[in-house]
Amino acid sequence: MSDNNIEELVEAYINVRSERDRIQKEYEAADADLKADLDQLKVLMLDICQTVGADSIKTSYGTVMRKLSERFFCSDWDSFRTFEQEHPDYDLRERRIHQGNFKQFLSEHEGDGLPPGVSALREYDVSVRKSTSAK
């Protein structure tokens, strides 16, 4: 393959990407089955922990440990903002920039530069679309 022949490079790129997609689909199907098996085993082990009243059970193969995981969700952001203002000693939200809204802000304030404390990472990438007439 010539380094300068774009036709050959694009063909090779599409072939490699297609093979990766095929392999990934096979992996994801097998992985989904294994995850389902693990989920069923977890349910059985949680049931045993509940039945015997234990948070851990040691076996010759390993130790089962039961733990409580908690996640919190907000359905009323206006009320939550009011609550946050009433409790300023706690930082109750994660801090990150909303990428889509920030891009819109920048496009509407073109030429102003980035706000203080904000950095940008910009890098080029290449994407290749398969031709509808490709083999």
Protein backbone atom coordinates (compact mmCIF):
# COMPACT_ATOMS: atom_id res chain seq x y z
CA MET A 1 0.00 0.00 0.00
CA SER A 2 1.37 3.38 -1.00
CA ASP A 3 1.53 5.96 1.80
CA ASN A 4 0.07 8.58 -0.50
CA ASN A 5 -2.83 6.65 -2.02
CA ILE A 6 -5.88 7.99 -0.19
CA GLU A 7 -8.16 5.41 -1.84
CA GLU A 8 -6.15 2.56 -0.34
CA LEU A 9 -5.91 4.27 3.05
CA VAL A 10 -9.68 4.85 3.26
CA GLU A 11 -10.39 1.27 2.13
CA ALA A 12 -8.02 -0.10 4.76
CA TYR A 13 -9.50 2.17 7.43
CA ILE A 14 -13.05 1.03 6.65
CA ASN A 15 -12.00 -2.64 6.62
CA VAL A 16 -10.26 -2.37 10.00
CA ARG A 17 -13.18 -0.45 11.51
CA SER A 18 -15.67 -3.01 10.21
CA GLU A 19 -13.65 -5.86 11.70
CA ARG A 20 -13.47 -4.04 15.04
CA ASP A 21 -17.25 -3.52 14.95
CA ARG A 22 -17.82 -7.22 14.24
CA ILE A 23 -15.52 -8.30 17.06
CA GLN A 24 -17.06 -5.77 19.45
CA LYS A 25 -20.60 -7.04 18.74
CA GLU A 26 -19.50 -10.61 19.44
CA TYR A 27 -17.81 -9.50 22.66
CA GLU A 28 -20.81 -7.43 23.80
CA ALA A 29 -23.20 -10.34 23.24
CA ALA A 30 -21.00 -12.76 25.20
CA ASP A 31 -20.37 -10.15 27.90
CA ALA A 32 -24.11 -9.46 28.28
CA ASP A 33 -24.70 -13.18 28.92
CA LEU A 34 -21.94 -13.27 31.52
CA LYS A 35 -23.27 -10.13 33.22
CA ALA A 36 -26.72 -11.71 33.41
CA ASP A 37 -25.18 -14.81 35.02
CA LEU A 38 -23.35 -12.65 37.55
CA ASP A 39 -26.54 -10.72 38.36
CA GLN A 40 -28.41 -13.98 39.05
CA LEU A 41 -25.60 -15.21 41.30
CA LYS A 42 -25.58 -11.89 43.19
CA VAL A 43 -29.32 -12.16 43.82
CA LEU A 44 -28.88 -15.64 45.24
CA MET A 45 -25.98 -14.57 47.47
CA LEU A 46 -27.86 -11.47 48.69
CA ASP A 47 -30.79 -13.70 49.56
CA ILE A 48 -28.53 -15.99 51.59
CA CYS A 49 -27.00 -12.99 53.41
CA GLN A 50 -30.49 -11.72 54.19
CA THR A 51 -31.67 -15.15 55.36
CA VAL A 52 -28.75 -15.73 57.72
CA GLY A 53 -28.50 -12.06 58.76
CA ALA A 54 -24.88 -11.64 57.71
CA ASP A 55 -23.02 -8.82 55.98
CA SER A 56 -20.16 -11.16 55.06
CA ILE A 57 -19.81 -14.89 54.56
CA LYS A 58 -16.41 -16.54 54.17
CA THR A 59 -16.08 -19.56 51.92
CA SER A 60 -13.13 -21.59 50.70
CA TYR A 61 -13.44 -19.80 47.32
CA GLY A 62 -13.76 -16.26 48.65
CA THR A 63 -15.75 -13.96 50.88
CA VAL A 64 -19.19 -12.58 50.07
CA MET A 65 -19.63 -9.05 51.40
CA ARG A 66 -22.98 -7.33 51.40
CA LYS A 67 -22.90 -3.54 51.22
CA LEU A 68 -25.46 -0.80 50.83
CA SER A 69 -24.93 1.54 47.89
CA GLU A 70 -26.73 4.86 47.77
CA ARG A 71 -27.31 7.27 44.91
CA PHE A 72 -29.46 10.36 45.04
CA PHE A 73 -31.54 11.95 42.29
CA CYS A 74 -33.28 15.30 41.99
CA SER A 75 -36.72 15.71 40.47
CA ASP A 76 -37.23 19.39 41.41
CA TRP A 77 -34.11 21.49 40.77
CA ASP A 78 -35.73 24.78 41.80
CA SER A 79 -36.56 23.42 45.25
CA PHE A 80 -33.11 21.87 45.52
CA ARG A 81 -31.42 25.20 44.69
CA THR A 82 -33.42 26.86 47.45
CA PHE A 83 -32.39 24.06 49.82
CA GLU A 84 -28.72 24.54 48.83
CA GLN A 85 -28.94 28.27 49.60
CA GLU A 86 -30.29 27.43 53.05
CA HIS A 87 -27.30 25.09 53.64
CA PRO A 88 -24.28 26.94 52.20
CA ASP A 89 -21.77 24.95 54.26
CA TYR A 90 -22.26 21.92 52.04
CA ASP A 91 -21.25 21.55 48.41
CA LEU A 92 -24.08 19.30 47.23
CA ARG A 93 -23.49 19.22 43.48
CA GLU A 94 -20.65 18.09 41.29
CA ARG A 95 -18.81 20.77 39.40
CA ARG A 96 -18.46 20.43 35.68
CA ILE A 97 -19.20 22.50 32.62
CA HIS A 98 -22.17 21.54 30.47
CA GLN A 99 -20.39 21.08 27.15
CA GLY A 100 -23.30 21.83 24.80
CA ASN A 101 -24.49 24.93 26.66
CA PHE A 102 -20.95 26.23 27.00
CA LYS A 103 -20.29 25.84 23.26
CA GLN A 104 -23.48 27.78 22.58
CA PHE A 105 -22.39 30.51 25.02
CA LEU A 106 -18.99 30.77 23.30
CA SER A 107 -20.59 31.01 19.86
CA GLU A 108 -22.84 33.83 21.09
CA HIS A 109 -19.87 35.64 22.68
CA GLU A 110 -17.33 35.06 19.95
CA GLY A 111 -14.20 37.12 20.39
CA ASP A 112 -14.58 37.47 24.19
CA GLY A 113 -12.27 34.52 24.87
CA LEU A 114 -12.72 31.99 27.61
CA PRO A 115 -14.09 33.05 31.00
CA PRO A 116 -11.64 33.19 33.91
CA GLY A 117 -10.70 29.77 35.26
CA VAL A 118 -11.75 27.88 32.14
CA SER A 119 -9.34 26.01 29.90
CA ALA A 120 -10.04 24.26 26.63
CA LEU A 121 -8.64 21.11 25.09
CA ARG A 122 -9.04 21.14 21.33
CA GLU A 123 -7.63 18.49 19.07
CA TYR A 124 -8.28 17.33 15.55
CA ASP A 125 -9.45 13.84 14.75
CA VAL A 126 -10.33 12.08 11.51
CA SER A 127 -13.61 10.37 10.81
CA VAL A 128 -14.30 8.23 7.78
CA ARG A 129 -17.73 7.40 6.41
CA LYS A 130 -18.28 4.38 4.28
CA SER A 131 -19.49 5.23 0.82
CA THR A 132 -22.98 4.04 0.02
CA SER A 133 -21.59 2.50 -3.15
CA ALA A 134 -18.66 0.79 -1.41
CA LYS A 135 -18.33 -2.98 -1.57
